[in-house]
Amino acid sequence: MVMKVRVGSIGTIVIPKEVRVKSGIREGDVLEVSVEEGTIILVKDRTWERLHGCAKGLTTVEDVERELDEDEGVWENRLEQ
């Protein structure tokens, strides 16, 4: 799908609705912008989606604190080596 958009006076563009719907972009989403060989690339930032679920099983403050203490110990061991 190729669509044309116009660049506004301060560099703004409007992503066409069809593109937003097909790519799952919603108001407030963060996009990563890069340029490769003169081509502008917009990628939906999926940091939250990658992190979602990483704390499964940690249901209490004590669980989280215990996990943090264990992680801290792992990093301390790595630094000592």
N, C-alpha and C. Protein backbone atom coordinates (compact mmCIF):
# COMPACT_ATOMS: atom_id res chain seq x y z
N MET A 1 0.85 -1.17 0.00
CA MET A 1 0.00 0.00 0.00
C MET A 1 0.90 1.24 0.00
N VAL A 2 0.68 2.12 -0.93
CA VAL A 2 1.43 3.37 -1.00
C VAL A 2 0.42 4.50 -0.96
N MET A 3 0.65 5.46 -0.05
CA MET A 3 -0.22 6.63 0.06
C MET A 3 0.68 7.84 0.14
N LYS A 4 0.16 8.97 -0.27
CA LYS A 4 0.92 10.22 -0.19
C LYS A 4 0.35 11.06 0.93
N VAL A 5 1.25 11.71 1.67
CA VAL A 5 0.86 12.66 2.71
C VAL A 5 1.66 13.94 2.49
N ARG A 6 1.13 15.03 2.99
CA ARG A 6 1.79 16.33 2.85
C ARG A 6 2.44 16.69 4.19
N VAL A 7 3.64 17.25 4.12
CA VAL A 7 4.36 17.68 5.32
C VAL A 7 3.92 19.09 5.65
N GLY A 8 3.49 19.31 6.91
CA GLY A 8 3.06 20.62 7.35
C GLY A 8 4.22 21.57 7.61
N SER A 9 3.89 22.80 7.98
CA SER A 9 4.91 23.85 8.13
C SER A 9 5.94 23.55 9.21
N ILE A 10 5.58 22.78 10.23
CA ILE A 10 6.56 22.45 11.27
C ILE A 10 7.01 20.99 11.18
N GLY A 11 6.79 20.39 10.00
CA GLY A 11 7.26 19.02 9.78
C GLY A 11 6.27 17.94 10.17
N THR A 12 5.05 18.33 10.49
CA THR A 12 4.07 17.32 10.90
C THR A 12 3.46 16.63 9.68
N ILE A 13 3.12 15.36 9.88
CA ILE A 13 2.38 14.61 8.86
C ILE A 13 1.20 13.94 9.56
N VAL A 14 0.18 13.65 8.80
CA VAL A 14 -0.96 12.89 9.31
C VAL A 14 -0.88 11.50 8.70
N ILE A 15 -0.85 10.50 9.56
CA ILE A 15 -0.84 9.12 9.08
C ILE A 15 -2.28 8.78 8.71
N PRO A 16 -2.51 8.39 7.46
CA PRO A 16 -3.88 8.10 7.03
C PRO A 16 -4.55 7.04 7.91
N LYS A 17 -5.86 7.20 8.09
CA LYS A 17 -6.62 6.30 8.96
C LYS A 17 -6.43 4.84 8.58
N GLU A 18 -6.47 4.53 7.29
CA GLU A 18 -6.32 3.14 6.85
C GLU A 18 -4.97 2.56 7.30
N VAL A 19 -3.93 3.37 7.24
CA VAL A 19 -2.60 2.92 7.68
C VAL A 19 -2.59 2.71 9.19
N ARG A 20 -3.20 3.67 9.93
CA ARG A 20 -3.26 3.54 11.39
C ARG A 20 -4.00 2.28 11.80
N VAL A 21 -5.12 2.02 11.16
CA VAL A 21 -5.93 0.84 11.50
C VAL A 21 -5.15 -0.44 11.20
N LYS A 22 -4.58 -0.54 10.01
CA LYS A 22 -3.87 -1.76 9.61
C LYS A 22 -2.63 -2.01 10.45
N SER A 23 -2.00 -0.93 10.95
CA SER A 23 -0.77 -1.10 11.73
C SER A 23 -1.02 -1.07 13.23
N GLY A 24 -2.27 -0.85 13.64
CA GLY A 24 -2.60 -0.86 15.06
C GLY A 24 -2.13 0.37 15.81
N ILE A 25 -1.91 1.46 15.09
CA ILE A 25 -1.47 2.71 15.74
C ILE A 25 -2.69 3.45 16.25
N ARG A 26 -2.62 3.84 17.53
CA ARG A 26 -3.72 4.58 18.15
C ARG A 26 -3.19 5.90 18.72
N GLU A 27 -4.09 6.80 19.03
CA GLU A 27 -3.72 8.08 19.62
C GLU A 27 -2.89 7.83 20.88
N GLY A 28 -1.78 8.54 21.01
CA GLY A 28 -0.92 8.41 22.18
C GLY A 28 0.19 7.39 22.03
N ASP A 29 0.13 6.54 20.99
CA ASP A 29 1.20 5.57 20.77
C ASP A 29 2.51 6.28 20.47
N VAL A 30 3.60 5.64 20.82
CA VAL A 30 4.93 6.16 20.53
C VAL A 30 5.47 5.43 19.31
N LEU A 31 6.03 6.19 18.37
CA LEU A 31 6.62 5.60 17.18
C LEU A 31 8.12 5.87 17.19
N GLU A 32 8.90 4.87 16.81
CA GLU A 32 10.33 5.05 16.63
C GLU A 32 10.54 5.53 15.20
N VAL A 33 11.35 6.58 15.02
CA VAL A 33 11.60 7.14 13.70
C VAL A 33 13.07 6.96 13.38
N SER A 34 13.36 6.41 12.20
CA SER A 34 14.75 6.27 11.77
C SER A 34 14.82 6.54 10.27
N VAL A 35 16.04 6.76 9.81
CA VAL A 35 16.27 6.97 8.38
C VAL A 35 17.32 5.98 7.93
N GLU A 36 17.00 5.20 6.92
CA GLU A 36 17.94 4.23 6.36
C GLU A 36 18.02 4.43 4.86
N GLU A 37 19.19 4.78 4.39
CA GLU A 37 19.43 5.00 2.97
C GLU A 37 18.40 5.95 2.38
N GLY A 38 18.13 7.04 3.11
CA GLY A 38 17.21 8.07 2.63
C GLY A 38 15.74 7.75 2.79
N THR A 39 15.41 6.60 3.37
CA THR A 39 14.02 6.21 3.57
C THR A 39 13.64 6.41 5.03
N ILE A 40 12.55 7.11 5.27
CA ILE A 40 12.06 7.33 6.63
C ILE A 40 11.27 6.09 7.04
N ILE A 41 11.59 5.58 8.23
CA ILE A 41 10.93 4.38 8.73
C ILE A 41 10.27 4.70 10.06
N LEU A 42 8.98 4.41 10.18
CA LEU A 42 8.23 4.58 11.43
C LEU A 42 7.87 3.19 11.94
N VAL A 43 8.22 2.92 13.19
CA VAL A 43 7.91 1.63 13.79
C VAL A 43 7.22 1.87 15.12
N LYS A 44 6.11 1.20 15.32
CA LYS A 44 5.39 1.32 16.59
C LYS A 44 6.27 0.78 17.70
N ASP A 45 6.48 1.59 18.75
CA ASP A 45 7.29 1.17 19.89
C ASP A 45 6.52 0.11 20.66
N ARG A 46 7.10 -1.07 20.79
CA ARG A 46 6.43 -2.19 21.45
C ARG A 46 7.08 -2.53 22.80
N THR A 47 7.74 -1.55 23.41
CA THR A 47 8.41 -1.81 24.68
C THR A 47 7.44 -2.38 25.71
N TRP A 48 6.28 -1.78 25.85
CA TRP A 48 5.32 -2.24 26.86
C TRP A 48 4.87 -3.66 26.55
N GLU A 49 4.64 -3.94 25.25
CA GLU A 49 4.19 -5.29 24.89
C GLU A 49 5.27 -6.32 25.20
N ARG A 50 6.55 -5.96 25.01
CA ARG A 50 7.63 -6.90 25.31
C ARG A 50 7.74 -7.12 26.81
N LEU A 51 7.47 -6.09 27.61
CA LEU A 51 7.59 -6.22 29.06
C LEU A 51 6.35 -6.85 29.70
N HIS A 52 5.22 -6.73 29.03
CA HIS A 52 3.97 -7.24 29.58
C HIS A 52 4.10 -8.73 29.88
N GLY A 53 3.81 -9.09 31.09
CA GLY A 53 3.85 -10.50 31.47
C GLY A 53 5.17 -10.94 32.08
N CYS A 54 6.18 -10.05 32.09
CA CYS A 54 7.48 -10.47 32.62
C CYS A 54 7.46 -10.62 34.13
N ALA A 55 6.43 -10.10 34.79
CA ALA A 55 6.36 -10.20 36.24
C ALA A 55 5.27 -11.17 36.69
N LYS A 56 4.91 -12.11 35.83
CA LYS A 56 3.88 -13.09 36.20
C LYS A 56 4.31 -13.83 37.45
N GLY A 57 3.38 -14.04 38.34
CA GLY A 57 3.67 -14.76 39.57
C GLY A 57 4.10 -13.85 40.71
N LEU A 58 4.39 -12.59 40.41
CA LEU A 58 4.77 -11.64 41.46
C LEU A 58 3.51 -10.87 41.84
N THR A 59 2.83 -11.35 42.86
CA THR A 59 1.52 -10.79 43.18
C THR A 59 1.51 -9.88 44.40
N THR A 60 2.57 -9.91 45.18
CA THR A 60 2.61 -9.06 46.37
C THR A 60 3.87 -8.21 46.35
N VAL A 61 3.87 -7.20 47.18
CA VAL A 61 5.05 -6.34 47.32
C VAL A 61 6.24 -7.17 47.76
N GLU A 62 6.01 -8.12 48.65
CA GLU A 62 7.09 -8.97 49.13
C GLU A 62 7.69 -9.80 47.99
N ASP A 63 6.83 -10.31 47.10
CA ASP A 63 7.31 -11.07 45.94
C ASP A 63 8.23 -10.21 45.07
N VAL A 64 7.79 -8.99 44.81
CA VAL A 64 8.58 -8.08 43.98
C VAL A 64 9.90 -7.75 44.66
N GLU A 65 9.86 -7.43 45.96
CA GLU A 65 11.09 -7.11 46.69
C GLU A 65 12.06 -8.29 46.69
N ARG A 66 11.55 -9.49 46.87
CA ARG A 66 12.40 -10.68 46.85
C ARG A 66 13.05 -10.85 45.47
N GLU A 67 12.28 -10.67 44.43
CA GLU A 67 12.80 -10.79 43.06
C GLU A 67 13.88 -9.73 42.80
N LEU A 68 13.64 -8.51 43.27
CA LEU A 68 14.64 -7.45 43.10
C LEU A 68 15.92 -7.77 43.85
N ASP A 69 15.79 -8.29 45.07
CA ASP A 69 16.97 -8.67 45.86
C ASP A 69 17.76 -9.76 45.15
N GLU A 70 17.07 -10.73 44.58
CA GLU A 70 17.75 -11.81 43.85
C GLU A 70 18.47 -11.26 42.62
N ASP A 71 17.81 -10.37 41.89
CA ASP A 71 18.45 -9.76 40.71
C ASP A 71 19.67 -8.95 41.10
N GLU A 72 19.56 -8.22 42.20
CA GLU A 72 20.70 -7.42 42.67
C GLU A 72 21.88 -8.33 42.99
N GLY A 73 21.61 -9.47 43.61
CA GLY A 73 22.67 -10.43 43.93
C GLY A 73 23.33 -10.96 42.68
N VAL A 74 22.56 -11.23 41.65
CA VAL A 74 23.12 -11.72 40.38
C VAL A 74 24.05 -10.68 39.79
N TRP A 75 23.63 -9.42 39.78
CA TRP A 75 24.47 -8.36 39.21
C TRP A 75 25.74 -8.16 40.04
N GLU A 76 25.63 -8.24 41.35
CA GLU A 76 26.81 -8.09 42.20
C GLU A 76 27.81 -9.21 41.90
N ASN A 77 27.33 -10.43 41.73
CA ASN A 77 28.22 -11.55 41.39
C ASN A 77 28.90 -11.33 40.05
N ARG A 78 28.18 -10.80 39.08
CA ARG A 78 28.78 -10.54 37.76
C ARG A 78 29.86 -9.47 37.86
N LEU A 79 29.63 -8.46 38.67
CA LEU A 79 30.61 -7.38 38.81
C LEU A 79 31.87 -7.85 39.52
N GLU A 80 31.73 -8.79 40.43
CA GLU A 80 32.88 -9.30 41.18
C GLU A 80 33.76 -10.19 40.32
N GLN A 81 33.22 -10.76 39.27
CA GLN A 81 33.99 -11.69 38.43
C GLN A 81 34.89 -10.97 37.47
